[in-house]
Amino acid sequence: MHIVMVIGAGILLLCVFAMFGWLWGASTAGIALAVKAFVPVWLVVACVNMWVGVSHAGYSVREETPILVLNFALPAILAALAAWQLSRG
């Protein structure tokens, strides 16, 4: 359940980045730039989530690595698709 909540938070954060991209740029180029900026921020957040799982929840790095990949990959793939679609138009 925690994985679903983290992925949902990532998608919500992606939407927030896209909205701020529209507010700052008022164009699809501004949204695309904001969506691209989301990816490194989300990587940091996913790594912090992994660190919490290792240091506080008692999981090993080996157990947490696939969860890190899943938590990072799904919102990052959505961001890449959004940036690609926005750059086409």
Protein backbone atom coordinates (compact mmCIF):
# COMPACT_ATOMS: atom_id res chain seq x y z
CA MET A 1 0.00 0.00 0.00
CA HIS A 2 2.89 2.33 0.75
CA ILE A 3 4.24 1.88 -2.79
CA VAL A 4 0.91 2.95 -4.27
CA MET A 5 0.83 6.02 -2.02
CA VAL A 6 4.38 7.02 -2.99
CA ILE A 7 3.67 6.59 -6.70
CA GLY A 8 0.44 8.57 -6.28
CA ALA A 9 2.38 11.33 -4.53
CA GLY A 10 4.84 11.33 -7.44
CA ILE A 11 2.05 11.75 -9.97
CA LEU A 12 0.52 14.51 -7.86
CA LEU A 13 3.90 16.26 -7.64
CA LEU A 14 4.24 15.95 -11.42
CA CYS A 15 0.89 17.70 -11.80
CA VAL A 16 2.03 20.46 -9.45
CA PHE A 17 5.21 20.94 -11.51
CA ALA A 18 3.14 21.08 -14.70
CA MET A 19 0.80 23.68 -13.20
CA PHE A 20 3.71 25.86 -12.10
CA GLY A 21 5.23 25.45 -15.55
CA TRP A 22 2.04 26.84 -17.02
CA LEU A 23 1.94 29.69 -14.51
CA TRP A 24 5.54 30.69 -15.18
CA GLY A 25 5.70 30.09 -18.90
CA ALA A 26 2.07 30.27 -20.06
CA SER A 27 2.96 27.91 -22.89
CA THR A 28 3.59 24.27 -23.61
CA ALA A 29 7.33 24.96 -23.57
CA GLY A 30 7.07 26.15 -19.97
CA ILE A 31 5.15 23.04 -18.99
CA ALA A 32 7.66 20.81 -20.78
CA LEU A 33 10.55 22.47 -18.96
CA ALA A 34 8.83 22.08 -15.60
CA VAL A 35 8.07 18.42 -16.31
CA LYS A 36 11.73 17.85 -17.18
CA ALA A 37 12.75 19.56 -13.93
CA PHE A 38 10.46 17.17 -12.04
CA VAL A 39 12.57 14.10 -12.82
CA PRO A 40 15.70 14.95 -10.75
CA VAL A 41 13.54 16.24 -7.91
CA TRP A 42 11.55 13.02 -7.92
CA LEU A 43 14.77 10.98 -7.95
CA VAL A 44 15.87 12.73 -4.74
CA VAL A 45 12.47 12.14 -3.13
CA ALA A 46 12.51 8.45 -4.11
CA CYS A 47 16.03 8.05 -2.72
CA VAL A 48 14.97 9.67 0.55
CA ASN A 49 12.07 7.23 0.68
CA MET A 50 14.56 4.38 0.23
CA TRP A 51 16.80 5.79 2.94
CA VAL A 52 13.85 5.91 5.36
CA GLY A 53 13.00 2.31 4.51
CA VAL A 54 16.57 1.20 5.17
CA SER A 55 17.35 3.28 8.24
CA HIS A 56 14.01 3.31 10.07
CA ALA A 57 11.93 0.40 8.79
CA GLY A 58 14.77 -2.10 8.96
CA TYR A 59 14.84 -3.22 5.34
CA SER A 60 18.12 -3.94 3.60
CA VAL A 61 19.36 -1.99 0.60
CA ARG A 62 18.88 -5.12 -1.47
CA GLU A 63 15.21 -5.30 -0.46
CA GLU A 64 14.58 -1.60 -1.03
CA THR A 65 16.30 -1.22 -4.43
CA PRO A 66 13.48 -2.75 -6.52
CA ILE A 67 10.99 -0.57 -4.67
CA LEU A 68 13.15 2.49 -5.39
CA VAL A 69 13.17 1.62 -9.08
CA LEU A 70 9.39 1.15 -9.14
CA ASN A 71 8.68 4.29 -7.13
CA PHE A 72 10.93 6.37 -9.36
CA ALA A 73 10.17 4.80 -12.73
CA LEU A 74 6.41 5.15 -12.99
CA PRO A 75 6.15 8.92 -12.37
CA ALA A 76 9.36 9.51 -14.37
CA ILE A 77 7.94 7.61 -17.34
CA LEU A 78 4.78 9.69 -17.15
CA ALA A 79 6.93 12.83 -17.05
CA ALA A 80 8.93 11.67 -20.07
CA LEU A 81 5.75 10.95 -22.01
CA ALA A 82 4.30 14.33 -21.07
CA ALA A 83 7.49 16.16 -22.09
CA TRP A 84 7.55 14.26 -25.38
CA GLN A 85 3.91 15.07 -26.14
CA LEU A 86 4.35 18.72 -25.21
CA SER A 87 7.46 19.10 -27.33
CA ARG A 88 5.65 17.68 -30.36
CA GLY A 89 2.93 20.32 -30.26
